[in-house]
Amino acid sequence: MPPSLVTQTIIAFIWDFDRTLTRGYMQKPLFEHYNVDEAEFWREVNALKTFYADYDLQIAEDTAYLEHTLNYVRTGKFPGLTNGLLALHD
């Protein structure tokens, strides 16, 4: 048998954090920091599928909140959001 071309082992570790390991969403500290209504944010996220469908577009529902978070940054609802700020809530 010829020697393997792969010389290392790749291990992936993936888990679902939101509402599985905690009672709420991991974004909660972000909402609290910026005084954003958490329920309103999730209502908006949950409405995105229908919104985009009206334009014959499909979105990945599992990650729609990420784009919506970026929209909050772009529109000034999360002013000054940086990786450093996110790390404070680690």
C-alpha atoms as a PDB file:
ATOM      1  CA  MET A   1       0.000   0.000   0.000  1.00  0.00           C
ATOM      2  CA  PRO A   2       1.442   3.434  -0.910  1.00  0.00           C
ATOM      3  CA  PRO A   3       2.069   5.961   1.867  1.00  0.00           C
ATOM      4  CA  SER A   4      -0.736   8.406   2.599  1.00  0.00           C
ATOM      5  CA  LEU A   5      -0.505  11.836   1.017  1.00  0.00           C
ATOM      6  CA  VAL A   6      -2.336  13.288   4.013  1.00  0.00           C
ATOM      7  CA  THR A   7       0.089  13.766   6.885  1.00  0.00           C
ATOM      8  CA  GLN A   8      -2.191  15.387   9.412  1.00  0.00           C
ATOM      9  CA  THR A   9      -5.522  14.717  11.019  1.00  0.00           C
ATOM     10  CA  ILE A  10      -8.257  17.308  10.667  1.00  0.00           C
ATOM     11  CA  ILE A  11     -10.738  17.545  13.503  1.00  0.00           C
ATOM     12  CA  ALA A  12     -13.825  19.754  13.287  1.00  0.00           C
ATOM     13  CA  PHE A  13     -15.754  20.779  16.368  1.00  0.00           C
ATOM     14  CA  ILE A  14     -19.147  22.357  15.732  1.00  0.00           C
ATOM     15  CA  TRP A  15     -21.999  23.011  18.127  1.00  0.00           C
ATOM     16  CA  ASP A  16     -25.243  24.937  18.311  1.00  0.00           C
ATOM     17  CA  PHE A  17     -24.904  27.489  21.087  1.00  0.00           C
ATOM     18  CA  ASP A  18     -28.076  29.591  20.903  1.00  0.00           C
ATOM     19  CA  ARG A  19     -30.888  28.389  23.124  1.00  0.00           C
ATOM     20  CA  THR A  20     -29.214  24.999  23.475  1.00  0.00           C
ATOM     21  CA  LEU A  21     -26.468  25.723  25.977  1.00  0.00           C
ATOM     22  CA  THR A  22     -28.004  29.009  27.147  1.00  0.00           C
ATOM     23  CA  ARG A  23     -31.514  30.295  27.718  1.00  0.00           C
ATOM     24  CA  GLY A  24     -31.180  33.022  25.117  1.00  0.00           C
ATOM     25  CA  TYR A  25     -29.208  34.081  22.095  1.00  0.00           C
ATOM     26  CA  MET A  26     -25.482  34.788  22.109  1.00  0.00           C
ATOM     27  CA  GLN A  27     -26.239  38.242  20.677  1.00  0.00           C
ATOM     28  CA  LYS A  28     -27.944  39.352  23.905  1.00  0.00           C
ATOM     29  CA  PRO A  29     -24.888  41.277  25.235  1.00  0.00           C
ATOM     30  CA  LEU A  30     -24.749  43.152  21.930  1.00  0.00           C
ATOM     31  CA  PHE A  31     -28.430  44.080  22.177  1.00  0.00           C
ATOM     32  CA  GLU A  32     -27.972  45.207  25.777  1.00  0.00           C
ATOM     33  CA  HIS A  33     -24.880  47.284  24.941  1.00  0.00           C
ATOM     34  CA  TYR A  34     -26.713  49.180  22.192  1.00  0.00           C
ATOM     35  CA  ASN A  35     -30.165  49.209  23.825  1.00  0.00           C
ATOM     36  CA  VAL A  36     -31.650  47.270  20.916  1.00  0.00           C
ATOM     37  CA  ASP A  37     -35.012  45.578  21.425  1.00  0.00           C
ATOM     38  CA  GLU A  38     -34.103  41.901  21.113  1.00  0.00           C
ATOM     39  CA  ALA A  39     -37.656  40.813  20.252  1.00  0.00           C
ATOM     40  CA  GLU A  40     -37.893  43.427  17.491  1.00  0.00           C
ATOM     41  CA  PHE A  41     -34.549  42.350  16.014  1.00  0.00           C
ATOM     42  CA  TRP A  42     -35.705  38.714  15.789  1.00  0.00           C
ATOM     43  CA  ARG A  43     -39.097  39.750  14.354  1.00  0.00           C
ATOM     44  CA  GLU A  44     -37.219  41.593  11.619  1.00  0.00           C
ATOM     45  CA  VAL A  45     -34.928  38.610  10.993  1.00  0.00           C
ATOM     46  CA  ASN A  46     -37.872  36.214  10.845  1.00  0.00           C
ATOM     47  CA  ALA A  47     -39.595  38.457   8.286  1.00  0.00           C
ATOM     48  CA  LEU A  48     -36.585  38.464   5.936  1.00  0.00           C
ATOM     49  CA  LYS A  49     -37.485  35.212   4.170  1.00  0.00           C
ATOM     50  CA  THR A  50     -40.830  36.640   3.036  1.00  0.00           C
ATOM     51  CA  PHE A  51     -39.295  40.024   2.211  1.00  0.00           C
ATOM     52  CA  TYR A  52     -36.695  38.496  -0.100  1.00  0.00           C
ATOM     53  CA  ALA A  53     -39.178  36.004  -1.572  1.00  0.00           C
ATOM     54  CA  ASP A  54     -41.213  38.983  -2.820  1.00  0.00           C
ATOM     55  CA  TYR A  55     -38.160  39.769  -4.993  1.00  0.00           C
ATOM     56  CA  ASP A  56     -37.770  36.120  -6.070  1.00  0.00           C
ATOM     57  CA  LEU A  57     -34.695  35.758  -3.885  1.00  0.00           C
ATOM     58  CA  GLN A  58     -33.880  32.999  -1.426  1.00  0.00           C
ATOM     59  CA  ILE A  59     -31.889  33.436   1.756  1.00  0.00           C
ATOM     60  CA  ALA A  60     -30.254  31.032   4.164  1.00  0.00           C
ATOM     61  CA  GLU A  61     -32.557  31.301   7.157  1.00  0.00           C
ATOM     62  CA  ASP A  62     -29.917  29.934   9.531  1.00  0.00           C
ATOM     63  CA  THR A  63     -27.563  32.826   8.870  1.00  0.00           C
ATOM     64  CA  ALA A  64     -29.940  35.664   7.953  1.00  0.00           C
ATOM     65  CA  TYR A  65     -29.328  37.240  11.352  1.00  0.00           C
ATOM     66  CA  LEU A  66     -25.661  37.791  10.413  1.00  0.00           C
ATOM     67  CA  GLU A  67     -26.553  39.972   7.439  1.00  0.00           C
ATOM     68  CA  HIS A  68     -29.176  41.739   9.537  1.00  0.00           C
ATOM     69  CA  THR A  69     -26.534  42.479  12.166  1.00  0.00           C
ATOM     70  CA  LEU A  70     -24.377  44.040   9.445  1.00  0.00           C
ATOM     71  CA  ASN A  71     -27.386  46.101   8.335  1.00  0.00           C
ATOM     72  CA  TYR A  72     -27.650  47.382  11.902  1.00  0.00           C
ATOM     73  CA  VAL A  73     -23.985  48.420  11.721  1.00  0.00           C
ATOM     74  CA  ARG A  74     -24.495  50.131   8.336  1.00  0.00           C
ATOM     75  CA  THR A  75     -27.573  52.041   9.518  1.00  0.00           C
ATOM     76  CA  GLY A  76     -25.962  53.215  12.764  1.00  0.00           C
ATOM     77  CA  LYS A  77     -27.906  51.039  15.196  1.00  0.00           C
ATOM     78  CA  PHE A  78     -24.617  49.385  16.246  1.00  0.00           C
ATOM     79  CA  PRO A  79     -22.237  52.372  15.977  1.00  0.00           C
ATOM     80  CA  GLY A  80     -18.578  51.597  16.513  1.00  0.00           C
ATOM     81  CA  LEU A  81     -19.039  47.831  16.580  1.00  0.00           C
ATOM     82  CA  THR A  82     -15.620  46.173  16.407  1.00  0.00           C
ATOM     83  CA  ASN A  83     -14.087  42.787  17.099  1.00  0.00           C
ATOM     84  CA  GLY A  84     -12.568  44.332  20.216  1.00  0.00           C
ATOM     85  CA  LEU A  85     -15.994  45.316  21.522  1.00  0.00           C
ATOM     86  CA  LEU A  86     -17.327  41.841  20.818  1.00  0.00           C
ATOM     87  CA  ALA A  87     -14.375  40.331  22.703  1.00  0.00           C
ATOM     88  CA  LEU A  88     -15.329  42.307  25.821  1.00  0.00           C
ATOM     89  CA  HIS A  89     -18.407  40.118  26.126  1.00  0.00           C
ATOM     90  CA  ASP A  90     -16.489  36.865  25.712  1.00  0.00           C
END
